[in-house]
C-alpha atoms as a PDB file:
ATOM      1  CA  MET A   1      15.226  27.219  25.985  1.00  0.00           C
ATOM      2  CA  ASN A   2      14.704  28.616  22.801  1.00  0.00           C
ATOM      3  CA  TRP A   3      13.998  25.704  20.228  1.00  0.00           C
ATOM      4  CA  THR A   4      14.578  27.963  16.890  1.00  0.00           C
ATOM      5  CA  ILE A   5      17.862  27.377  16.564  1.00  0.00           C
ATOM      6  CA  PRO A   6      17.704  23.982  16.699  1.00  0.00           C
ATOM      7  CA  LEU A   7      14.550  23.120  14.839  1.00  0.00           C
ATOM      8  CA  ILE A   8      16.431  25.039  12.041  1.00  0.00           C
ATOM      9  CA  VAL A   9      19.565  23.008  11.989  1.00  0.00           C
ATOM     10  CA  ILE A  10      17.339  19.998  12.126  1.00  0.00           C
ATOM     11  CA  GLU A  11      15.965  21.358   8.975  1.00  0.00           C
ATOM     12  CA  LEU A  12      18.727  22.366   7.058  1.00  0.00           C
ATOM     13  CA  LEU A  13      20.263  18.923   8.117  1.00  0.00           C
ATOM     14  CA  LEU A  14      17.102  16.944   6.633  1.00  0.00           C
ATOM     15  CA  SER A  15      16.543  19.175   3.498  1.00  0.00           C
ATOM     16  CA  PRO A  16      19.141  17.410   1.478  1.00  0.00           C
ATOM     17  CA  ILE A  17      17.311  13.873   1.977  1.00  0.00           C
ATOM     18  CA  SER A  18      13.621  15.329   1.128  1.00  0.00           C
ATOM     19  CA  LEU A  19      15.440  16.846  -2.080  1.00  0.00           C
ATOM     20  CA  ARG A  20      16.693  13.418  -2.902  1.00  0.00           C
ATOM     21  CA  SER A  21      13.363  11.750  -3.452  1.00  0.00           C
ATOM     22  CA  GLN A  22      10.740  11.781  -6.133  1.00  0.00           C
ATOM     23  CA  TRP A  23       7.542  10.818  -6.633  1.00  0.00           C
ATOM     24  CA  THR A  24       6.134   9.273  -9.585  1.00  0.00           C
ATOM     25  CA  GLN A  25       2.785   8.930  -9.520  1.00  0.00           C
ATOM     26  CA  ILE A  26       1.255   5.729 -11.055  1.00  0.00           C
ATOM     27  CA  GLY A  27      -2.000   4.464 -12.564  1.00  0.00           C
ATOM     28  CA  TRP A  28      -4.827   3.708 -10.915  1.00  0.00           C
ATOM     29  CA  PRO A  29      -8.314   3.517 -12.428  1.00  0.00           C
ATOM     30  CA  TYR A  30     -10.253   2.881  -9.711  1.00  0.00           C
ATOM     31  CA  ASN A  31     -12.465   5.327  -7.765  1.00  0.00           C
ATOM     32  CA  GLY A  32     -12.111   5.225  -4.121  1.00  0.00           C
ATOM     33  CA  GLY A  33      -9.025   6.114  -1.847  1.00  0.00           C
ATOM     34  CA  VAL A  34      -5.992   4.020  -1.301  1.00  0.00           C
ATOM     35  CA  CYS A  35      -5.963   3.052   2.482  1.00  0.00           C
ATOM     36  CA  ALA A  36      -3.453   0.161   2.192  1.00  0.00           C
ATOM     37  CA  ILE A  37      -0.828  -0.712   0.441  1.00  0.00           C
ATOM     38  CA  GLU A  38       1.640  -3.823   0.255  1.00  0.00           C
ATOM     39  CA  SER A  39       4.602  -5.504  -1.853  1.00  0.00           C
ATOM     40  CA  VAL A  40       3.891  -9.296  -1.408  1.00  0.00           C
ATOM     41  CA  PRO A  41       6.185 -11.926  -2.972  1.00  0.00           C
ATOM     42  CA  ASN A  42       4.836 -13.533  -6.163  1.00  0.00           C
ATOM     43  CA  GLY A  43       5.995 -16.886  -5.932  1.00  0.00           C
ATOM     44  CA  ALA A  44       8.391 -16.394  -8.808  1.00  0.00           C
ATOM     45  CA  GLY A  45      11.148 -14.492  -7.120  1.00  0.00           C
ATOM     46  CA  GLY A  46       9.063 -11.350  -7.859  1.00  0.00           C
ATOM     47  CA  THR A  47       7.011  -9.123  -5.368  1.00  0.00           C
ATOM     48  CA  ASN A  48       3.571  -7.910  -6.633  1.00  0.00           C
ATOM     49  CA  LEU A  49       1.898  -4.922  -5.040  1.00  0.00           C
ATOM     50  CA  VAL A  50      -1.569  -5.148  -3.203  1.00  0.00           C
ATOM     51  CA  ALA A  51      -3.797  -2.248  -2.436  1.00  0.00           C
ATOM     52  CA  GLY A  52      -6.993  -1.477  -0.307  1.00  0.00           C
ATOM     53  CA  ILE A  53      -9.689   1.085  -1.457  1.00  0.00           C
ATOM     54  CA  VAL A  54     -12.513   2.311   0.130  1.00  0.00           C
ATOM     55  CA  GLN A  55     -15.300   4.874  -0.413  1.00  0.00           C
ATOM     56  CA  GLN A  56     -17.233   4.010  -4.026  1.00  0.00           C
ATOM     57  CA  ALA A  57     -16.108   0.750  -4.203  1.00  0.00           C
ATOM     58  CA  SER A  58     -14.226  -1.297  -0.962  1.00  0.00           C
ATOM     59  CA  GLU A  59     -12.595  -3.494  -2.524  1.00  0.00           C
ATOM     60  CA  ALA A  60      -8.703  -4.982  -2.464  1.00  0.00           C
ATOM     61  CA  HIS A  61      -6.715  -4.910  -6.248  1.00  0.00           C
ATOM     62  CA  VAL A  62      -3.156  -6.486  -7.169  1.00  0.00           C
ATOM     63  CA  SER A  63      -0.868  -5.732  -9.749  1.00  0.00           C
ATOM     64  CA  THR A  64       1.909  -7.952 -11.144  1.00  0.00           C
ATOM     65  CA  ASN A  65       3.862  -5.134 -12.762  1.00  0.00           C
ATOM     66  CA  ASN A  66       4.775  -2.352 -10.590  1.00  0.00           C
ATOM     67  CA  GLY A  67       1.509  -0.351 -10.460  1.00  0.00           C
ATOM     68  CA  ALA A  68       1.318  -0.398 -14.285  1.00  0.00           C
ATOM     69  CA  ASN A  69      -1.684  -2.331 -14.045  1.00  0.00           C
ATOM     70  CA  TRP A  70      -4.331  -3.348 -11.883  1.00  0.00           C
ATOM     71  CA  SER A  71      -7.265  -6.284 -11.846  1.00  0.00           C
ATOM     72  CA  THR A  72      -9.568  -6.727  -8.466  1.00  0.00           C
ATOM     73  CA  ILE A  73      -8.900  -9.463  -6.166  1.00  0.00           C
ATOM     74  CA  SER A  74     -12.339 -11.141  -6.082  1.00  0.00           C
ATOM     75  CA  SER A  75     -12.463 -13.171  -3.013  1.00  0.00           C
ATOM     76  CA  LEU A  76     -12.121  -9.457  -1.324  1.00  0.00           C
ATOM     77  CA  ALA A  77     -14.559  -7.613  -3.488  1.00  0.00           C
ATOM     78  CA  LYS A  78     -16.506  -5.320  -1.754  1.00  0.00           C
ATOM     79  CA  VAL A  79     -14.566  -6.100   1.360  1.00  0.00           C
ATOM     80  CA  ASP A  80     -13.182  -2.732   3.063  1.00  0.00           C
ATOM     81  CA  ILE A  81      -9.837  -3.374   3.682  1.00  0.00           C
ATOM     82  CA  ARG A  82      -7.708  -1.509   5.589  1.00  0.00           C
ATOM     83  CA  CYS A  83      -4.224  -2.706   5.872  1.00  0.00           C
ATOM     84  CA  PHE A  84      -2.068  -5.764   4.816  1.00  0.00           C
ATOM     85  CA  ALA A  85       0.587  -7.797   6.230  1.00  0.00           C
ATOM     86  CA  VAL A  86       2.694 -10.478   4.932  1.00  0.00           C
ATOM     87  CA  LEU A  87       4.361 -13.110   6.922  1.00  0.00           C
ATOM     88  CA  GLY A  88       6.786 -15.978   5.484  1.00  0.00           C
ATOM     89  CA  LYS A  89       4.233 -16.680   2.144  1.00  0.00           C
ATOM     90  CA  LYS A  90       1.070 -15.890   3.558  1.00  0.00           C
ATOM     91  CA  ILE A  91      -0.679 -12.255   3.279  1.00  0.00           C
ATOM     92  CA  TYR A  92      -3.151 -11.199   5.802  1.00  0.00           C
ATOM     93  CA  ALA A  93      -5.746  -8.344   5.081  1.00  0.00           C
ATOM     94  CA  GLY A  94      -7.644  -6.630   7.944  1.00  0.00           C
ATOM     95  CA  GLY A  95     -11.526  -5.461   7.103  1.00  0.00           C
ATOM     96  CA  TRP A  96     -12.809  -2.443   8.463  1.00  0.00           C
ATOM     97  CA  ASP A  97     -16.060  -4.392  10.304  1.00  0.00           C
ATOM     98  CA  GLY A  98     -13.057  -6.773  12.229  1.00  0.00           C
ATOM     99  CA  GLN A  99     -12.642  -9.637   9.469  1.00  0.00           C
ATOM    100  CA  VAL A 100      -9.256 -10.549   9.038  1.00  0.00           C
ATOM    101  CA  PHE A 101      -8.449 -12.798   5.832  1.00  0.00           C
ATOM    102  CA  VAL A 102      -5.137 -14.574   5.064  1.00  0.00           C
ATOM    103  CA  SER A 103      -4.210 -16.071   1.435  1.00  0.00           C
ATOM    104  CA  THR A 104      -1.411 -17.694   0.058  1.00  0.00           C
ATOM    105  CA  ALA A 105      -1.217 -16.156  -3.259  1.00  0.00           C
ATOM    106  CA  THR A 106      -2.445 -12.981  -5.016  1.00  0.00           C
ATOM    107  CA  GLU A 107      -4.462 -14.678  -7.370  1.00  0.00           C
END
């Protein structure tokens, strides 16, 4: 079967969806690539962002203002965090070397 026509139709159907999305870069003052990011409840009815980075400094960071400013999560300093998960009020962080951390607050 020739897949050219079905693929073109799919592309045309999906094109308007991708054209509506706009991405804006937020401030990221740290060296290293972001390998995990998650929104978490902050206990005051809003959300914070947590992010894990790798490369020059393996650590985790939190933003309380939608990514405008970031600070280091001191209890996860020098830990190579690769993923986050939120379950209820608990935040789980998975490290590269098999570590798993849990917190009920983002500091």
